[in-house]
Amino acid sequence: MDEYGYVYATAGVMALYFIIQMATKRFDPFAPVWLFFVGYFQLYVIQALSYHDWAVGVRGVELVTAANQQALWALIWYLFVYHVGVGNIIAPRLPSPPRGWSNLAVMLLSPGLILWGLFCSGVMGGTPFGGAATAEEALFRSFPFVMMVAAIMLIVSGRRPDAPKPVLLWAGLATSFAYIVIWMFNGKRSHSLIAVLATVCAFYISRQKRPSWPVLLATSFTGAMVVSLALGWRGNMNYERTLSGFVEFVGDFDFAMILENMDVVDETEGANEEHFTYETKEYGGFLLMKDTVPEKSDYDYGANYIRTFSTFIPRIVWPDKPLFGRQKWINAWIVGSEMDRQENYTSPAIGLLGATQLNGGAIGTIVVVAVIAILHRCCYAYFRMYADVPWVQFWWALAFFNAWFMVVNDDPMVWFYYNWGFTTFPFVVLLWWICRGAGEPPAEAPAATWAESGVEASAARSAGFSVEAAYYHPGDVHQCSTWR
């Protein structure tokens, strides 16, 4: 099989998996596997095809073929581990979540979090985003996502079937919309995209529903749109950097930019081809690591994952704390790049397979991808077991999109130690303890109104799930999907 064949096979595996899920009525858009696929398809199918000529010219057809082959078997390995059952065994053994929920706590916490988020974005005082700031202000302004934490808390509170609160729901939706617009204006694509995903997820799972296909398609288009608007506005040189200028930019937006930002169209047109490179794209970074490690630069053997814990140790306690694994990353860029890279080089992301190649080549890829698959399946199984619990709905809406981050970033744990661990995890834990004392909510519906899927019930029982995890409400689920 040639280098193209492996790319098409990777796309084919995803398509076949989707067909099987649809045919067996197991498709759930909020399962982490789908956002993992979104990132994987972007990097190892679209980019692999769009940048093929450059890749072969710079790295050679043999290495490109080996890289595309690795992308294929890594995806198959992920799906095998995801479905082998380890996550389903672990999930029932985790502590049960608190079934209560406190609207009072939500109403007390949300205003402060919203104001904090607005300050972090530069809307309510402080240094405008990207400007100079004191060390103290920079630290305090490092928590913009708390605004979305408040939005999801409000949406979950407002959509509770046993005690709906329309005012809280609309407050949450308005907060989420404001967050999306603000961070498009600030030129940050990830902030805007994850806000769209988290909002749609919270809106539906809080009623244990699944969106229809028109809603899913609209969500996909909206996600691509906000990413393109954020990137386009960030690179804009023709409009004033004001709100009115942004509105004018949106009005004049060229939808062809969506294809460019999805790496579908060629960016070399009009560029200086002598100094143009795709190695700063995730697929290009993967090829660089594949070409460089370990022949020209050493493995980091997963040292970067130490930052999952070390990041939270303040430098006032550990003044000379290193960025674990970063030096090996820099060394690989210095010896393998087309350009002149120095010790202070800090960008770009190399994607999941670039990181696993740096971790230990094929063995590193097998180990890391297996851990990711188990984590995804375990978390999803836990969500499914307690899908009617408000705290679980709150947590899952703010967590499931990280399956995409794990593919497209510097390494699979960046989502935690650069954002989620600071801005979301503390409040997820805080709500856990608050909800433990909030009491049990009333039952939503008698057992007789729920329908059981015999195959799913049997599978759930064999994996140790409660019987309720194998039920779904026929009126809450579209024909294209059921609770798994």
Protein backbone atom coordinates (compact mmCIF):
# COMPACT_ATOMS: atom_id res chain seq x y z
CA MET A 1 0.00 0.00 0.00
CA ASP A 2 1.36 3.45 -0.90
CA GLU A 3 1.28 6.59 1.24
CA TYR A 4 -2.14 7.60 -0.11
CA GLY A 5 -3.59 4.16 0.59
CA TYR A 6 -2.94 4.38 4.32
CA VAL A 7 -4.63 7.78 4.49
CA TYR A 8 -7.71 6.51 2.67
CA ALA A 9 -7.74 3.43 4.89
CA THR A 10 -7.68 5.66 7.98
CA ALA A 11 -10.69 7.57 6.66
CA GLY A 12 -12.33 4.25 5.76
CA VAL A 13 -11.98 2.90 9.30
CA MET A 14 -13.75 5.98 10.66
CA ALA A 15 -16.50 5.72 8.06
CA LEU A 16 -17.01 2.00 8.74
CA TYR A 17 -17.17 2.63 12.49
CA PHE A 18 -19.78 5.33 11.94
CA ILE A 19 -21.88 3.03 9.74
CA ILE A 20 -21.74 0.26 12.34
CA GLN A 21 -22.75 2.65 15.12
CA MET A 22 -25.66 3.92 13.06
CA ALA A 23 -26.77 0.44 11.98
CA THR A 24 -26.77 -0.79 15.59
CA LYS A 25 -28.43 2.43 16.82
CA ARG A 26 -25.55 3.15 19.16
CA PHE A 27 -24.52 6.50 17.75
CA ASP A 28 -24.13 9.10 20.49
CA PRO A 29 -22.66 12.47 19.39
CA PHE A 30 -21.52 13.17 22.95
CA ALA A 31 -19.34 10.06 23.16
CA PRO A 32 -15.65 11.07 23.24
CA VAL A 33 -14.78 8.82 20.31
CA TRP A 34 -16.40 11.24 17.86
CA LEU A 35 -14.43 14.32 18.86
CA PHE A 36 -11.34 12.14 18.90
CA PHE A 37 -12.24 11.28 15.31
CA VAL A 38 -12.74 14.96 14.42
CA GLY A 39 -9.21 15.83 15.50
CA TYR A 40 -7.74 12.66 14.02
CA PHE A 41 -9.43 13.18 10.66
CA GLN A 42 -8.25 16.80 10.54
CA LEU A 43 -4.61 15.89 11.19
CA TYR A 44 -4.06 12.49 9.64
CA VAL A 45 -6.48 12.57 6.71
CA ILE A 46 -7.11 16.16 5.62
CA GLN A 47 -3.63 17.49 6.41
CA ALA A 48 -1.99 14.31 5.14
CA LEU A 49 -3.71 14.74 1.79
CA SER A 50 -3.44 18.53 1.54
CA TYR A 51 0.26 18.61 2.41
CA HIS A 52 1.26 15.43 0.60
CA ASP A 53 3.47 17.01 -2.07
CA TRP A 54 5.30 19.16 0.46
CA ALA A 55 5.72 16.20 2.83
CA VAL A 56 7.18 13.90 0.17
CA GLY A 57 9.47 16.64 -1.10
CA VAL A 58 10.87 17.44 2.34
CA ARG A 59 10.74 14.12 4.22
CA GLY A 60 10.68 11.56 1.43
CA VAL A 61 8.03 9.11 0.33
CA GLU A 62 9.32 6.29 2.56
CA LEU A 63 8.97 8.30 5.77
CA VAL A 64 5.60 9.74 4.73
CA THR A 65 4.34 6.22 4.03
CA ALA A 66 5.58 5.01 7.43
CA ALA A 67 3.91 7.97 9.16
CA ASN A 68 0.58 7.39 7.44
CA GLN A 69 0.80 3.69 8.26
CA GLN A 70 1.38 4.55 11.92
CA ALA A 71 -1.68 6.82 11.88
CA LEU A 72 -3.77 3.92 10.59
CA TRP A 73 -2.69 1.27 13.08
CA ALA A 74 -2.80 3.75 15.98
CA LEU A 75 -6.45 4.48 15.17
CA ILE A 76 -7.31 0.78 14.98
CA TRP A 77 -5.49 0.21 18.27
CA TYR A 78 -7.44 3.05 19.90
CA LEU A 79 -10.78 1.56 18.82
CA PHE A 80 -9.76 -1.92 19.95
CA VAL A 81 -8.80 -0.73 23.45
CA TYR A 82 -11.84 1.58 23.61
CA HIS A 83 -14.16 -1.40 23.07
CA VAL A 84 -12.24 -4.19 24.78
CA GLY A 85 -14.03 -3.47 28.04
CA VAL A 86 -11.39 -2.17 30.45
CA GLY A 87 -13.14 1.19 30.86
CA ASN A 88 -16.46 -0.53 31.54
CA ILE A 89 -14.84 -2.57 34.31
CA ILE A 90 -13.30 0.49 35.99
CA ALA A 91 -16.30 2.84 35.82
CA PRO A 92 -18.67 0.96 38.19
CA ARG A 93 -15.90 0.83 40.79
CA LEU A 94 -15.51 4.60 40.94
CA PRO A 95 -17.29 6.56 43.72
CA SER A 96 -20.94 7.24 43.00
CA PRO A 97 -21.68 10.92 42.28
CA PRO A 98 -23.87 13.06 44.53
CA ARG A 99 -27.43 12.94 43.21
CA GLY A 100 -28.47 16.26 44.71
CA TRP A 101 -28.07 19.68 43.12
CA SER A 102 -28.08 23.15 44.63
CA ASN A 103 -29.60 25.98 42.60
CA LEU A 104 -28.67 28.30 45.44
CA ALA A 105 -24.98 27.44 45.10
CA VAL A 106 -25.21 27.96 41.34
CA MET A 107 -26.82 31.37 41.77
CA LEU A 108 -24.21 32.39 44.34
CA LEU A 109 -21.20 31.18 42.36
CA SER A 110 -22.20 32.13 38.82
CA PRO A 111 -22.14 35.95 39.03
CA GLY A 112 -18.62 35.98 40.45
CA LEU A 113 -17.36 33.49 37.87
CA ILE A 114 -18.93 35.48 35.04
CA LEU A 115 -17.35 38.72 36.25
CA TRP A 116 -14.01 36.98 36.68
CA GLY A 117 -14.23 35.58 33.18
CA LEU A 118 -15.10 39.00 31.76
CA PHE A 119 -12.11 40.52 33.53
CA CYS A 120 -9.83 37.79 32.17
CA SER A 121 -11.03 38.55 28.66
CA GLY A 122 -10.25 42.25 29.01
CA VAL A 123 -13.90 43.29 28.88
CA MET A 124 -14.16 44.52 32.46
CA GLY A 125 -10.99 46.44 33.13
CA GLY A 126 -7.46 45.21 33.30
CA THR A 127 -4.96 45.07 30.49
CA PRO A 128 -6.50 44.35 27.07
CA PHE A 129 -5.93 40.78 25.97
CA GLY A 130 -2.41 40.30 24.69
CA GLY A 131 -1.12 43.49 26.29
CA ALA A 132 1.51 43.94 28.98
CA ALA A 133 0.44 43.17 32.54
CA THR A 134 1.98 42.83 35.95
CA ALA A 135 2.80 39.34 37.16
CA GLU A 136 -0.08 39.45 39.64
CA GLU A 137 -2.57 40.64 37.04
CA ALA A 138 -1.37 38.09 34.52
CA LEU A 139 -1.92 35.31 37.07
CA PHE A 140 -5.38 36.54 38.00
CA ARG A 141 -6.31 36.82 34.32
CA SER A 142 -5.35 33.21 33.58
CA PHE A 143 -8.83 31.82 34.27
CA PRO A 144 -11.10 32.96 31.42
CA PHE A 145 -12.91 29.62 31.15
CA VAL A 146 -14.57 30.06 34.55
CA MET A 147 -17.17 32.06 32.62
CA MET A 148 -18.15 28.91 30.74
CA VAL A 149 -18.18 26.96 34.00
CA ALA A 150 -20.85 29.39 35.18
CA ALA A 151 -22.75 29.10 31.88
CA ILE A 152 -22.93 25.30 32.07
CA MET A 153 -23.96 25.38 35.73
CA LEU A 154 -26.82 27.71 34.82
CA ILE A 155 -27.92 25.64 31.81
CA VAL A 156 -27.95 22.39 33.81
CA SER A 157 -29.89 24.10 36.61
CA GLY A 158 -32.38 25.64 34.21
CA ARG A 159 -33.02 22.40 32.25
CA ARG A 160 -33.61 20.03 35.19
CA PRO A 161 -36.75 18.01 34.35
CA ASP A 162 -37.87 17.82 37.98
CA ALA A 163 -37.49 21.58 38.64
CA PRO A 164 -36.95 23.63 35.46
CA LYS A 165 -35.81 27.24 35.86
CA PRO A 166 -36.19 29.08 32.52
CA VAL A 167 -34.54 32.21 33.89
CA LEU A 168 -31.39 30.29 34.78
CA LEU A 169 -31.44 28.52 31.42
CA TRP A 170 -31.59 31.76 29.45
CA ALA A 171 -28.93 33.31 31.67
CA GLY A 172 -26.67 30.36 30.92
CA LEU A 173 -27.29 30.53 27.17
CA ALA A 174 -26.66 34.29 27.16
CA THR A 175 -23.41 33.81 29.09
CA SER A 176 -22.25 31.15 26.67
CA PHE A 177 -23.10 33.31 23.65
CA ALA A 178 -21.22 36.25 25.16
CA TYR A 179 -18.20 34.03 25.80
CA ILE A 180 -18.17 32.82 22.19
CA VAL A 181 -18.36 36.36 20.78
CA ILE A 182 -15.75 37.75 23.18
CA TRP A 183 -13.20 35.08 22.36
CA MET A 184 -13.80 35.30 18.66
CA PHE A 185 -13.02 38.99 19.05
CA ASN A 186 -9.90 38.07 21.03
CA GLY A 187 -8.87 35.78 18.15
CA LYS A 188 -8.86 32.53 20.15
CA ARG A 189 -10.41 29.66 18.19
CA SER A 190 -10.29 26.99 20.90
CA HIS A 191 -12.19 29.08 23.46
CA SER A 192 -15.00 29.77 21.02
CA LEU A 193 -15.23 26.22 19.71
CA ILE A 194 -15.34 24.48 23.06
CA ALA A 195 -18.01 26.93 24.23
CA VAL A 196 -20.21 25.86 21.30
CA LEU A 197 -19.63 22.18 22.04
CA ALA A 198 -20.15 22.46 25.80
CA THR A 199 -23.35 24.50 25.39
CA VAL A 200 -24.99 22.08 22.96
CA CYS A 201 -23.97 19.11 25.11
CA ALA A 202 -25.33 20.63 28.34
CA PHE A 203 -28.58 21.68 26.67
CA TYR A 204 -29.35 18.14 25.49
CA ILE A 205 -27.93 15.82 28.13
CA SER A 206 -29.63 17.77 30.93
CA ARG A 207 -32.87 16.32 29.50
CA GLN A 208 -31.21 13.04 28.44
CA LYS A 209 -31.90 13.83 24.81
CA ARG A 210 -29.81 13.59 21.68
CA PRO A 211 -29.82 16.31 19.01
CA SER A 212 -31.38 15.64 15.63
CA TRP A 213 -29.26 15.55 12.50
CA PRO A 214 -30.15 19.13 11.52
CA VAL A 215 -28.97 20.28 14.94
CA LEU A 216 -25.76 18.26 14.64
CA LEU A 217 -25.06 19.68 11.19
CA ALA A 218 -25.80 23.20 12.41
CA THR A 219 -23.47 22.66 15.37
CA SER A 220 -20.69 21.46 13.06
CA PHE A 221 -21.11 24.46 10.80
CA THR A 222 -21.22 26.84 13.77
CA GLY A 223 -18.05 25.31 15.20
CA ALA A 224 -16.21 25.69 11.89
CA MET A 225 -17.58 29.21 11.54
CA VAL A 226 -16.45 30.48 14.95
CA VAL A 227 -12.98 28.98 14.42
CA SER A 228 -12.64 30.68 11.04
CA LEU A 229 -13.93 34.00 12.35
CA ALA A 230 -11.50 33.92 15.28
CA LEU A 231 -8.53 33.06 13.06
CA GLY A 232 -9.53 35.49 10.35
CA TRP A 233 -10.04 38.34 12.79
CA ARG A 234 -6.73 37.59 14.50
CA GLY A 235 -4.87 37.98 11.21
CA ASN A 236 -7.00 40.85 9.97
CA MET A 237 -5.16 43.91 8.66
CA ASN A 238 -8.07 45.67 6.92
CA TYR A 239 -10.51 46.46 9.74
CA GLU A 240 -10.22 48.55 12.88
CA ARG A 241 -9.61 46.53 16.02
CA THR A 242 -12.88 47.69 17.54
CA LEU A 243 -16.29 46.15 18.09
CA SER A 244 -17.70 48.01 15.10
CA GLY A 245 -14.76 46.82 13.02
CA PHE A 246 -15.42 43.25 14.12
CA VAL A 247 -19.09 43.52 13.17
CA GLU A 248 -18.06 44.83 9.75
CA PHE A 249 -15.57 41.97 9.41
CA VAL A 250 -18.27 39.41 10.21
CA GLY A 251 -20.56 40.99 7.66
CA ASP A 252 -17.87 40.77 4.96
CA PHE A 253 -16.68 37.31 5.95
CA ASP A 254 -15.61 35.06 3.07
CA PHE A 255 -16.90 31.55 3.71
CA ALA A 256 -14.03 30.15 1.66
CA MET A 257 -11.89 30.85 4.74
CA ILE A 258 -13.57 27.90 6.45
CA LEU A 259 -11.96 25.54 3.95
CA GLU A 260 -8.60 27.25 4.38
CA ASN A 261 -8.74 26.93 8.15
CA MET A 262 -9.69 23.26 7.79
CA ASP A 263 -6.50 22.77 5.74
CA VAL A 264 -8.49 21.82 2.65
CA VAL A 265 -7.10 24.52 0.34
CA ASP A 266 -3.48 25.29 -0.52
CA GLU A 267 -1.94 28.11 1.51
CA THR A 268 1.14 28.47 -0.68
CA GLU A 269 -0.60 30.65 -3.24
CA GLY A 270 0.96 34.08 -3.00
CA ALA A 271 3.46 32.93 -0.37
CA ASN A 272 7.23 32.95 -0.60
CA GLU A 273 7.70 29.28 -1.40
CA GLU A 274 11.40 29.40 -0.59
CA HIS A 275 10.58 30.06 3.07
CA PHE A 276 7.19 28.37 3.24
CA THR A 277 6.78 25.22 5.29
CA TYR A 278 3.97 23.08 6.63
CA GLU A 279 6.09 21.67 9.44
CA THR A 280 4.39 24.06 11.86
CA LYS A 281 1.10 22.24 11.19
CA GLU A 282 0.38 19.23 13.39
CA TYR A 283 0.94 16.73 10.59
CA GLY A 284 4.19 18.47 9.67
CA GLY A 285 5.29 18.31 13.30
CA PHE A 286 4.51 14.60 13.37
CA LEU A 287 6.67 14.04 10.28
CA LEU A 288 9.48 16.03 11.85
CA MET A 289 9.37 13.91 15.00
CA LYS A 290 9.14 10.75 12.91
CA ASP A 291 12.19 11.82 10.92
CA THR A 292 14.21 13.05 13.88
CA VAL A 293 13.46 10.87 16.90
CA PRO A 294 15.36 8.77 17.88
CA GLU A 295 17.95 8.84 15.06
CA LYS A 296 18.95 12.48 15.54
CA SER A 297 17.41 13.36 18.90
CA ASP A 298 16.45 11.29 21.95
CA TYR A 299 13.07 10.17 23.18
CA ASP A 300 11.62 12.03 26.14
CA TYR A 301 10.10 8.77 27.47
CA GLY A 302 6.92 10.53 28.57
CA ALA A 303 8.63 13.10 30.79
CA ASN A 304 6.18 15.72 29.52
CA TYR A 305 3.33 14.03 31.39
CA ILE A 306 4.97 14.91 34.72
CA ARG A 307 3.67 18.41 34.04
CA THR A 308 0.17 17.08 34.70
CA PHE A 309 1.19 17.33 38.37
CA SER A 310 4.22 19.65 38.47
CA THR A 311 2.31 22.50 36.83
CA PHE A 312 0.26 22.92 39.99
CA ILE A 313 3.30 23.33 42.25
CA PRO A 314 3.90 27.12 42.50
CA ARG A 315 7.37 28.41 41.71
CA ILE A 316 7.44 30.17 45.05
CA VAL A 317 7.73 26.62 46.43
CA TRP A 318 9.86 25.23 43.57
CA PRO A 319 11.74 28.19 42.03
CA ASP A 320 13.80 26.18 39.52
CA LYS A 321 10.94 23.91 38.42
CA PRO A 322 11.66 22.68 34.86
CA LEU A 323 9.21 22.18 32.01
CA PHE A 324 9.56 18.41 31.98
CA GLY A 325 10.19 16.96 28.54
CA ARG A 326 10.43 20.35 26.85
CA GLN A 327 14.15 20.20 26.16
CA LYS A 328 13.82 17.00 24.15
CA TRP A 329 11.01 18.64 22.17
CA ILE A 330 13.22 21.66 21.42
CA ASN A 331 16.22 19.48 20.53
CA ALA A 332 14.14 17.60 17.98
CA TRP A 333 13.05 20.85 16.35
CA ILE A 334 16.56 22.25 16.25
CA VAL A 335 18.06 19.22 14.50
CA GLY A 336 15.09 18.35 12.30
CA SER A 337 13.52 21.61 11.19
CA GLU A 338 13.77 23.14 7.73
CA MET A 339 14.30 26.49 9.47
CA ASP A 340 16.83 27.75 11.98
CA ARG A 341 15.36 26.98 15.40
CA GLN A 342 16.90 28.30 18.62
CA GLU A 343 16.72 27.19 22.25
CA ASN A 344 13.92 29.68 22.93
CA TYR A 345 11.65 28.13 20.29
CA THR A 346 8.24 27.45 21.85
CA SER A 347 5.82 26.63 19.05
CA PRO A 348 3.93 24.83 17.48
CA ALA A 349 1.76 21.88 18.47
CA ILE A 350 2.87 18.51 17.09
CA GLY A 351 -0.39 16.62 17.58
CA LEU A 352 -1.03 13.29 19.28
CA LEU A 353 1.21 11.11 17.13
CA GLY A 354 4.04 13.64 17.14
CA ALA A 355 3.93 13.54 20.93
CA THR A 356 3.78 9.74 21.12
CA GLN A 357 6.67 9.45 18.65
CA LEU A 358 8.69 11.71 20.95
CA ASN A 359 7.57 9.63 23.95
CA GLY A 360 8.99 6.39 22.60
CA GLY A 361 8.21 5.71 18.96
CA ALA A 362 5.90 2.78 18.23
CA ILE A 363 5.98 1.54 21.84
CA GLY A 364 5.23 5.04 23.12
CA THR A 365 2.32 5.27 20.71
CA ILE A 366 0.89 1.92 21.82
CA VAL A 367 1.10 2.81 25.51
CA VAL A 368 -0.20 6.40 25.31
CA VAL A 369 -3.03 5.66 22.86
CA ALA A 370 -4.15 2.73 25.04
CA VAL A 371 -4.25 4.95 28.13
CA ILE A 372 -6.27 7.56 26.23
CA ALA A 373 -8.74 4.95 24.97
CA ILE A 374 -9.24 3.53 28.47
CA LEU A 375 -9.68 7.02 29.94
CA HIS A 376 -12.24 7.93 27.28
CA ARG A 377 -14.22 4.74 27.71
CA CYS A 378 -14.10 4.85 31.50
CA CYS A 379 -15.30 8.46 31.66
CA TYR A 380 -18.01 7.84 29.09
CA ALA A 381 -19.21 4.71 30.87
CA TYR A 382 -19.36 6.67 34.14
CA PHE A 383 -21.40 9.37 32.44
CA ARG A 384 -23.77 6.76 31.01
CA MET A 385 -24.25 5.09 34.37
CA TYR A 386 -25.35 8.33 36.02
CA ALA A 387 -26.66 10.28 33.03
CA ASP A 388 -29.66 11.59 35.00
CA VAL A 389 -27.51 13.16 37.75
CA PRO A 390 -27.09 16.96 37.38
CA TRP A 391 -23.52 16.95 38.67
CA VAL A 392 -22.55 14.33 36.08
CA GLN A 393 -24.24 16.34 33.35
CA PHE A 394 -22.34 19.44 34.45
CA TRP A 395 -19.02 17.56 34.50
CA TRP A 396 -19.52 15.79 31.17
CA ALA A 397 -20.54 18.93 29.27
CA LEU A 398 -17.30 20.52 30.45
CA ALA A 399 -15.14 17.46 29.83
CA PHE A 400 -16.10 15.51 26.70
CA PHE A 401 -14.65 18.03 24.22
CA ASN A 402 -11.17 17.38 25.59
CA ALA A 403 -11.11 14.24 23.43
CA TRP A 404 -10.45 16.65 20.54
CA PHE A 405 -7.78 18.55 22.47
CA MET A 406 -5.93 15.30 23.12
CA VAL A 407 -5.35 14.89 19.40
CA VAL A 408 -4.50 18.39 18.22
CA ASN A 409 -2.28 19.82 20.95
CA ASP A 410 1.35 19.63 22.14
CA ASP A 411 0.64 16.40 24.00
CA PRO A 412 -2.49 14.53 25.11
CA MET A 413 -2.51 16.09 28.60
CA VAL A 414 -2.13 19.77 27.69
CA TRP A 415 -5.90 20.20 28.06
CA PHE A 416 -5.54 19.49 31.77
CA TYR A 417 -2.42 21.30 32.86
CA TYR A 418 -2.85 24.42 30.70
CA ASN A 419 -6.57 25.05 31.13
CA TRP A 420 -8.99 22.50 32.54
CA GLY A 421 -7.05 21.69 35.70
CA PHE A 422 -7.00 25.37 36.67
CA THR A 423 -10.34 26.68 35.49
CA THR A 424 -12.77 23.76 35.63
CA PHE A 425 -11.49 20.98 37.87
CA PRO A 426 -11.64 23.03 41.12
CA PHE A 427 -15.29 23.91 40.53
CA VAL A 428 -16.20 20.37 39.49
CA VAL A 429 -14.79 19.22 42.84
CA LEU A 430 -16.44 22.08 44.74
CA LEU A 431 -19.86 21.25 43.25
CA TRP A 432 -19.31 17.60 44.16
CA TRP A 433 -19.04 18.47 47.86
CA ILE A 434 -21.84 21.03 47.74
CA CYS A 435 -24.17 18.57 46.01
CA ARG A 436 -23.40 15.86 48.57
CA GLY A 437 -25.22 17.99 51.11
CA ALA A 438 -28.03 19.09 48.81
CA GLY A 439 -30.19 16.02 49.33
CA GLU A 440 -31.72 13.60 46.86
CA PRO A 441 -33.84 15.03 44.04
CA PRO A 442 -37.33 13.65 43.47
CA ALA A 443 -37.74 10.80 41.03
CA GLU A 444 -38.24 12.08 37.48
CA ALA A 445 -40.41 9.26 36.11
CA PRO A 446 -41.71 5.88 37.27
CA ALA A 447 -39.84 2.86 36.02
CA ALA A 448 -42.83 1.77 33.95
CA THR A 449 -42.38 4.70 31.56
CA TRP A 450 -38.90 3.57 30.54
CA ALA A 451 -38.13 1.04 27.83
CA GLU A 452 -35.41 -1.54 28.09
CA SER A 453 -33.12 -2.69 25.31
CA GLY A 454 -32.46 -6.37 26.05
CA VAL A 455 -29.05 -6.53 24.37
CA GLU A 456 -27.85 -3.35 26.03
CA ALA A 457 -29.24 -4.37 29.41
CA SER A 458 -27.43 -7.69 29.25
CA ALA A 459 -24.19 -6.01 28.26
CA ALA A 460 -24.59 -3.45 31.02
CA ARG A 461 -25.20 -6.07 33.68
CA SER A 462 -22.20 -8.12 32.56
CA ALA A 463 -20.03 -5.01 32.87
CA GLY A 464 -21.34 -4.29 36.36
CA PHE A 465 -23.66 -1.40 35.47
CA SER A 466 -26.80 -0.63 37.37
CA VAL A 467 -29.99 -1.70 35.60
CA GLU A 468 -30.96 1.96 35.04
CA ALA A 469 -27.89 2.43 32.85
CA ALA A 470 -29.38 0.07 30.29
CA TYR A 471 -32.62 2.02 29.90
CA TYR A 472 -33.59 4.89 27.67
CA HIS A 473 -36.72 6.93 27.28
CA PRO A 474 -38.08 6.50 23.74
CA GLY A 475 -39.52 10.02 23.68
CA ASP A 476 -36.16 11.55 24.54
CA VAL A 477 -34.10 9.92 21.82
CA HIS A 478 -34.10 10.37 18.07
CA GLN A 479 -34.16 7.34 15.81
CA CYS A 480 -30.55 8.00 14.85
CA SER A 481 -29.32 7.43 18.37
CA THR A 482 -30.03 5.73 21.66
CA TRP A 483 -28.48 5.70 25.08
CA ARG A 484 -25.76 3.10 24.97
